[in-house]
Amino acid sequence: TDKVHQTPAAILKGPEDNVNLTCSHTVSNYNMILWYQQSAQNTALKLIGYVWNTSPTVEDSVKGRFDVSGDAAANKMAYLHFPKVTEAEDSAVYFCAASEAQCFTIPSLLYKNPL
């Protein structure tokens, strides 16, 4: 069975159209959904952004062009939205992935040691 599902499976949009993609998962302990882009010009997967629990992050290189939102833990869903198809690179394959992620800080790094 699919544990990660993306909709729509295929979409055709023109210049200036807006795009909305949805990603969902069925794994109880997964709390992060990531969005990637693979364009014809650059076949490497490029991270667009992710939702950790309910906290969205968009990569600096695409801020203002893409938005991510959702709740990766409780609702197990995230959304990728771009208001306008504006660049040739926007014509691409988009992937979502889900995982378990933990964020923590190391207390010793929070303080500057006196000399």
N, C-alpha and C. Protein backbone atom coordinates (compact mmCIF):
# COMPACT_ATOMS: atom_id res chain seq x y z
N THR A 1 0.84 -1.19 0.00
CA THR A 1 0.00 0.00 0.00
C THR A 1 0.88 1.25 0.00
N ASP A 2 0.37 2.31 -0.60
CA ASP A 2 1.09 3.58 -0.61
C ASP A 2 1.06 4.19 0.78
N LYS A 3 2.22 4.61 1.23
CA LYS A 3 2.29 5.30 2.52
C LYS A 3 2.34 6.81 2.34
N VAL A 4 2.76 7.26 1.14
CA VAL A 4 2.78 8.68 0.80
C VAL A 4 2.01 8.83 -0.51
N HIS A 5 1.12 9.80 -0.55
CA HIS A 5 0.26 9.97 -1.72
C HIS A 5 0.24 11.45 -2.11
N GLN A 6 0.42 11.72 -3.40
CA GLN A 6 0.44 13.08 -3.90
C GLN A 6 -0.68 13.28 -4.92
N THR A 7 -1.41 14.40 -4.82
CA THR A 7 -2.46 14.71 -5.79
C THR A 7 -2.34 16.16 -6.23
N PRO A 8 -2.71 16.48 -7.46
CA PRO A 8 -3.03 15.53 -8.52
C PRO A 8 -1.79 14.81 -9.01
N ALA A 9 -1.99 13.65 -9.63
CA ALA A 9 -0.86 12.88 -10.14
C ALA A 9 -0.21 13.58 -11.33
N ALA A 10 -1.00 14.29 -12.11
CA ALA A 10 -0.49 15.06 -13.25
C ALA A 10 -1.33 16.31 -13.38
N ILE A 11 -0.70 17.38 -13.85
CA ILE A 11 -1.42 18.66 -13.98
C ILE A 11 -0.80 19.43 -15.14
N LEU A 12 -1.63 20.13 -15.86
CA LEU A 12 -1.17 20.95 -16.97
C LEU A 12 -1.67 22.36 -16.73
N LYS A 13 -0.75 23.30 -16.62
CA LYS A 13 -1.11 24.69 -16.36
C LYS A 13 -0.39 25.60 -17.35
N GLY A 14 -0.95 26.75 -17.57
CA GLY A 14 -0.35 27.73 -18.46
C GLY A 14 0.30 28.86 -17.68
N PRO A 15 0.96 29.77 -18.40
CA PRO A 15 1.58 30.93 -17.74
C PRO A 15 0.55 31.71 -16.94
N GLU A 16 0.97 32.16 -15.79
CA GLU A 16 0.15 32.95 -14.87
C GLU A 16 -0.90 32.14 -14.13
N ASP A 17 -1.05 30.84 -14.40
CA ASP A 17 -1.98 30.00 -13.65
C ASP A 17 -1.42 29.72 -12.26
N ASN A 18 -2.29 29.49 -11.29
CA ASN A 18 -1.82 29.07 -9.97
C ASN A 18 -1.89 27.56 -9.87
N VAL A 19 -1.06 27.01 -9.00
CA VAL A 19 -0.93 25.56 -8.85
C VAL A 19 -1.04 25.20 -7.38
N ASN A 20 -1.80 24.16 -7.08
CA ASN A 20 -1.91 23.63 -5.72
C ASN A 20 -1.72 22.12 -5.77
N LEU A 21 -0.76 21.63 -4.99
CA LEU A 21 -0.51 20.20 -4.88
C LEU A 21 -0.71 19.78 -3.43
N THR A 22 -1.15 18.55 -3.23
CA THR A 22 -1.41 18.02 -1.90
C THR A 22 -0.60 16.75 -1.69
N CYS A 23 -0.06 16.60 -0.50
CA CYS A 23 0.67 15.39 -0.14
C CYS A 23 0.13 14.89 1.19
N SER A 24 -0.10 13.59 1.27
CA SER A 24 -0.57 13.00 2.53
C SER A 24 0.21 11.72 2.80
N HIS A 25 0.22 11.31 4.06
CA HIS A 25 0.89 10.06 4.43
C HIS A 25 0.06 9.32 5.47
N THR A 26 0.40 8.05 5.68
CA THR A 26 -0.37 7.22 6.60
C THR A 26 0.49 6.63 7.71
N VAL A 27 1.68 7.18 7.93
CA VAL A 27 2.58 6.62 8.94
C VAL A 27 2.43 7.43 10.23
N SER A 28 2.06 6.76 11.31
CA SER A 28 1.67 7.46 12.54
C SER A 28 2.78 8.32 13.13
N ASN A 29 4.03 7.91 13.06
CA ASN A 29 5.09 8.69 13.71
C ASN A 29 5.80 9.66 12.77
N TYR A 30 5.38 9.77 11.52
CA TYR A 30 5.97 10.75 10.60
C TYR A 30 5.42 12.14 10.93
N ASN A 31 6.30 13.11 11.01
CA ASN A 31 5.89 14.47 11.35
C ASN A 31 6.49 15.52 10.41
N MET A 32 7.03 15.09 9.28
CA MET A 32 7.59 16.02 8.32
C MET A 32 7.21 15.61 6.90
N ILE A 33 6.81 16.60 6.11
CA ILE A 33 6.56 16.40 4.68
C ILE A 33 7.41 17.40 3.92
N LEU A 34 8.15 16.90 2.95
CA LEU A 34 9.07 17.72 2.17
C LEU A 34 8.60 17.79 0.73
N TRP A 35 8.88 18.92 0.08
CA TRP A 35 8.54 19.11 -1.34
C TRP A 35 9.81 19.33 -2.14
N TYR A 36 9.93 18.62 -3.28
CA TYR A 36 11.09 18.73 -4.16
C TYR A 36 10.64 19.04 -5.58
N GLN A 37 11.54 19.66 -6.33
CA GLN A 37 11.31 19.96 -7.73
C GLN A 37 12.42 19.33 -8.57
N GLN A 38 12.06 18.75 -9.70
CA GLN A 38 13.02 18.23 -10.66
C GLN A 38 12.65 18.80 -12.03
N SER A 39 13.48 19.71 -12.52
CA SER A 39 13.18 20.35 -13.80
C SER A 39 13.99 19.72 -14.92
N ALA A 40 13.57 19.98 -16.14
CA ALA A 40 14.30 19.46 -17.30
C ALA A 40 15.69 20.09 -17.39
N GLN A 41 15.80 21.34 -16.96
CA GLN A 41 17.09 22.04 -17.00
C GLN A 41 18.06 21.52 -15.95
N ASN A 42 17.53 21.04 -14.82
CA ASN A 42 18.37 20.57 -13.73
C ASN A 42 17.70 19.32 -13.15
N THR A 43 18.24 18.16 -13.48
CA THR A 43 17.58 16.91 -13.08
C THR A 43 17.82 16.53 -11.62
N ALA A 44 18.70 17.24 -10.95
CA ALA A 44 18.88 16.98 -9.52
C ALA A 44 17.63 17.42 -8.76
N LEU A 45 17.29 16.70 -7.70
CA LEU A 45 16.15 17.10 -6.88
C LEU A 45 16.51 18.35 -6.09
N LYS A 46 15.66 19.36 -6.19
CA LYS A 46 15.88 20.63 -5.50
C LYS A 46 14.82 20.76 -4.41
N LEU A 47 15.26 20.94 -3.18
CA LEU A 47 14.32 21.11 -2.07
C LEU A 47 13.64 22.46 -2.18
N ILE A 48 12.32 22.44 -2.20
CA ILE A 48 11.53 23.68 -2.22
C ILE A 48 11.24 24.12 -0.80
N GLY A 49 10.80 23.18 0.03
CA GLY A 49 10.45 23.50 1.40
C GLY A 49 9.85 22.29 2.08
N TYR A 50 9.46 22.48 3.33
CA TYR A 50 8.92 21.36 4.10
C TYR A 50 8.02 21.88 5.21
N VAL A 51 7.22 20.99 5.73
CA VAL A 51 6.40 21.27 6.91
C VAL A 51 6.84 20.29 7.99
N TRP A 52 7.31 20.81 9.11
CA TRP A 52 7.67 19.99 10.27
C TRP A 52 6.59 20.22 11.30
N ASN A 53 5.83 19.19 11.62
CA ASN A 53 4.61 19.31 12.43
C ASN A 53 3.69 20.32 11.74
N THR A 54 3.56 21.53 12.30
CA THR A 54 2.76 22.56 11.64
C THR A 54 3.61 23.76 11.21
N SER A 55 4.93 23.64 11.29
CA SER A 55 5.83 24.75 10.97
C SER A 55 6.34 24.65 9.53
N PRO A 56 5.93 25.58 8.67
CA PRO A 56 6.39 25.54 7.28
C PRO A 56 7.72 26.28 7.11
N THR A 57 8.55 25.78 6.22
CA THR A 57 9.80 26.43 5.85
C THR A 57 9.94 26.36 4.34
N VAL A 58 10.23 27.50 3.72
CA VAL A 58 10.49 27.57 2.28
C VAL A 58 11.94 27.96 2.10
N GLU A 59 12.63 27.28 1.19
CA GLU A 59 14.03 27.59 0.93
C GLU A 59 14.18 29.02 0.42
N ASP A 60 15.26 29.70 0.84
CA ASP A 60 15.47 31.09 0.48
C ASP A 60 15.45 31.31 -1.03
N SER A 61 15.98 30.36 -1.79
CA SER A 61 16.09 30.53 -3.24
C SER A 61 14.74 30.58 -3.95
N VAL A 62 13.67 30.13 -3.30
CA VAL A 62 12.35 30.12 -3.94
C VAL A 62 11.30 30.88 -3.12
N LYS A 63 11.73 31.59 -2.08
CA LYS A 63 10.78 32.37 -1.28
C LYS A 63 10.09 33.40 -2.18
N GLY A 64 8.79 33.54 -2.00
CA GLY A 64 8.03 34.46 -2.82
C GLY A 64 7.44 33.80 -4.05
N ARG A 65 7.99 32.67 -4.45
CA ARG A 65 7.45 31.94 -5.60
C ARG A 65 6.61 30.75 -5.17
N PHE A 66 6.98 30.14 -4.05
CA PHE A 66 6.30 28.95 -3.55
C PHE A 66 5.88 29.17 -2.11
N ASP A 67 4.79 28.53 -1.71
CA ASP A 67 4.35 28.49 -0.32
C ASP A 67 4.12 27.04 0.06
N VAL A 68 4.44 26.70 1.29
CA VAL A 68 4.10 25.38 1.83
C VAL A 68 3.28 25.60 3.09
N SER A 69 2.37 24.67 3.36
CA SER A 69 1.55 24.76 4.56
C SER A 69 1.06 23.36 4.90
N GLY A 70 0.40 23.25 6.03
CA GLY A 70 -0.20 21.97 6.41
C GLY A 70 0.13 21.56 7.81
N ASP A 71 -0.22 20.33 8.12
CA ASP A 71 0.06 19.71 9.42
C ASP A 71 0.54 18.29 9.14
N ALA A 72 1.84 18.11 9.17
CA ALA A 72 2.44 16.83 8.78
C ALA A 72 2.25 15.75 9.84
N ALA A 73 1.96 16.13 11.08
CA ALA A 73 1.86 15.14 12.16
C ALA A 73 0.41 14.72 12.41
N ALA A 74 -0.43 15.65 12.85
CA ALA A 74 -1.80 15.30 13.23
C ALA A 74 -2.68 15.00 12.01
N ASN A 75 -2.71 15.91 11.05
CA ASN A 75 -3.56 15.71 9.86
C ASN A 75 -2.86 14.92 8.77
N LYS A 76 -1.53 14.79 8.89
CA LYS A 76 -0.73 14.02 7.93
C LYS A 76 -0.86 14.54 6.50
N MET A 77 -0.97 15.88 6.36
CA MET A 77 -1.12 16.48 5.04
C MET A 77 -0.28 17.75 4.94
N ALA A 78 0.20 18.02 3.72
CA ALA A 78 0.88 19.27 3.43
C ALA A 78 0.53 19.70 2.02
N TYR A 79 0.71 21.00 1.79
CA TYR A 79 0.31 21.59 0.52
C TYR A 79 1.46 22.40 -0.06
N LEU A 80 1.58 22.34 -1.38
CA LEU A 80 2.52 23.18 -2.11
C LEU A 80 1.69 24.06 -3.01
N HIS A 81 1.94 25.36 -2.93
CA HIS A 81 1.17 26.32 -3.71
C HIS A 81 2.14 27.27 -4.39
N PHE A 82 1.96 27.47 -5.68
CA PHE A 82 2.62 28.62 -6.29
C PHE A 82 1.58 29.43 -7.05
N PRO A 83 1.52 30.72 -6.69
CA PRO A 83 0.46 31.59 -7.20
C PRO A 83 0.47 31.75 -8.71
N LYS A 84 1.65 31.75 -9.32
CA LYS A 84 1.73 31.95 -10.76
C LYS A 84 2.84 31.09 -11.33
N VAL A 85 2.55 30.43 -12.43
CA VAL A 85 3.61 29.76 -13.19
C VAL A 85 4.30 30.86 -13.98
N THR A 86 5.53 31.18 -13.58
CA THR A 86 6.19 32.34 -14.19
C THR A 86 7.51 32.01 -14.88
N GLU A 87 8.17 30.97 -14.45
CA GLU A 87 9.49 30.68 -14.99
C GLU A 87 9.48 29.34 -15.71
N ALA A 88 10.37 29.22 -16.69
CA ALA A 88 10.46 27.96 -17.44
C ALA A 88 10.74 26.80 -16.50
N GLU A 89 11.50 27.06 -15.45
CA GLU A 89 11.84 26.02 -14.48
C GLU A 89 10.62 25.52 -13.71
N ASP A 90 9.55 26.31 -13.68
CA ASP A 90 8.32 25.88 -12.99
C ASP A 90 7.70 24.67 -13.68
N SER A 91 7.99 24.50 -14.97
CA SER A 91 7.53 23.32 -15.69
C SER A 91 8.46 22.18 -15.30
N ALA A 92 8.00 21.33 -14.38
CA ALA A 92 8.88 20.37 -13.74
C ALA A 92 8.06 19.23 -13.15
N VAL A 93 8.78 18.26 -12.62
CA VAL A 93 8.16 17.19 -11.84
C VAL A 93 8.33 17.58 -10.37
N TYR A 94 7.25 17.46 -9.62
CA TYR A 94 7.27 17.79 -8.19
C TYR A 94 7.04 16.52 -7.39
N PHE A 95 7.86 16.36 -6.37
CA PHE A 95 7.80 15.18 -5.51
C PHE A 95 7.54 15.61 -4.08
N CYS A 96 6.81 14.79 -3.35
CA CYS A 96 6.74 14.99 -1.90
C CYS A 96 7.27 13.73 -1.23
N ALA A 97 7.77 13.90 -0.03
CA ALA A 97 8.28 12.80 0.76
C ALA A 97 7.89 13.04 2.21
N ALA A 98 7.75 11.98 2.97
CA ALA A 98 7.39 12.10 4.38
C ALA A 98 8.40 11.34 5.22
N SER A 99 8.65 11.85 6.43
CA SER A 99 9.62 11.18 7.30
C SER A 99 9.37 11.58 8.75
N GLU A 100 10.08 10.89 9.60
CA GLU A 100 10.10 11.26 11.02
C GLU A 100 11.28 12.18 11.21
N ALA A 101 11.07 13.32 11.83
CA ALA A 101 12.16 14.28 12.04
C ALA A 101 12.16 14.73 13.49
N GLN A 102 13.35 14.93 13.99
CA GLN A 102 13.50 15.43 15.35
C GLN A 102 14.39 16.65 15.31
N CYS A 103 14.00 17.68 16.00
CA CYS A 103 14.82 18.88 16.12
C CYS A 103 15.18 19.05 17.58
N PHE A 104 16.42 19.35 17.81
CA PHE A 104 16.87 19.56 19.18
C PHE A 104 18.05 20.51 19.18
N THR A 105 18.32 21.07 20.33
CA THR A 105 19.49 21.94 20.48
C THR A 105 20.42 21.31 21.50
N ILE A 106 21.68 21.59 21.33
CA ILE A 106 22.68 21.12 22.28
C ILE A 106 22.97 22.29 23.23
N PRO A 107 22.62 22.14 24.51
CA PRO A 107 22.74 23.28 25.43
C PRO A 107 24.11 23.94 25.43
N SER A 108 25.18 23.19 25.28
CA SER A 108 26.51 23.78 25.32
C SER A 108 26.74 24.76 24.17
N LEU A 109 25.98 24.63 23.09
CA LEU A 109 26.15 25.54 21.96
C LEU A 109 25.35 26.82 22.12
N LEU A 110 24.49 26.87 23.13
CA LEU A 110 23.66 28.05 23.33
C LEU A 110 24.38 29.15 24.10
N TYR A 111 25.50 28.83 24.70
CA TYR A 111 26.20 29.79 25.53
C TYR A 111 27.60 30.02 25.00
N LYS A 112 28.01 31.28 25.05
CA LYS A 112 29.38 31.60 24.65
C LYS A 112 30.28 31.34 25.83
N ASN A 113 31.31 30.53 25.62
CA ASN A 113 32.24 30.23 26.70
C ASN A 113 33.15 31.43 26.94
N PRO A 114 33.32 31.83 28.21
CA PRO A 114 34.24 32.95 28.50
C PRO A 114 35.68 32.53 28.21
N LEU A 115 36.48 33.48 27.77
CA LEU A 115 37.89 33.18 27.49
C LEU A 115 38.73 33.26 28.73
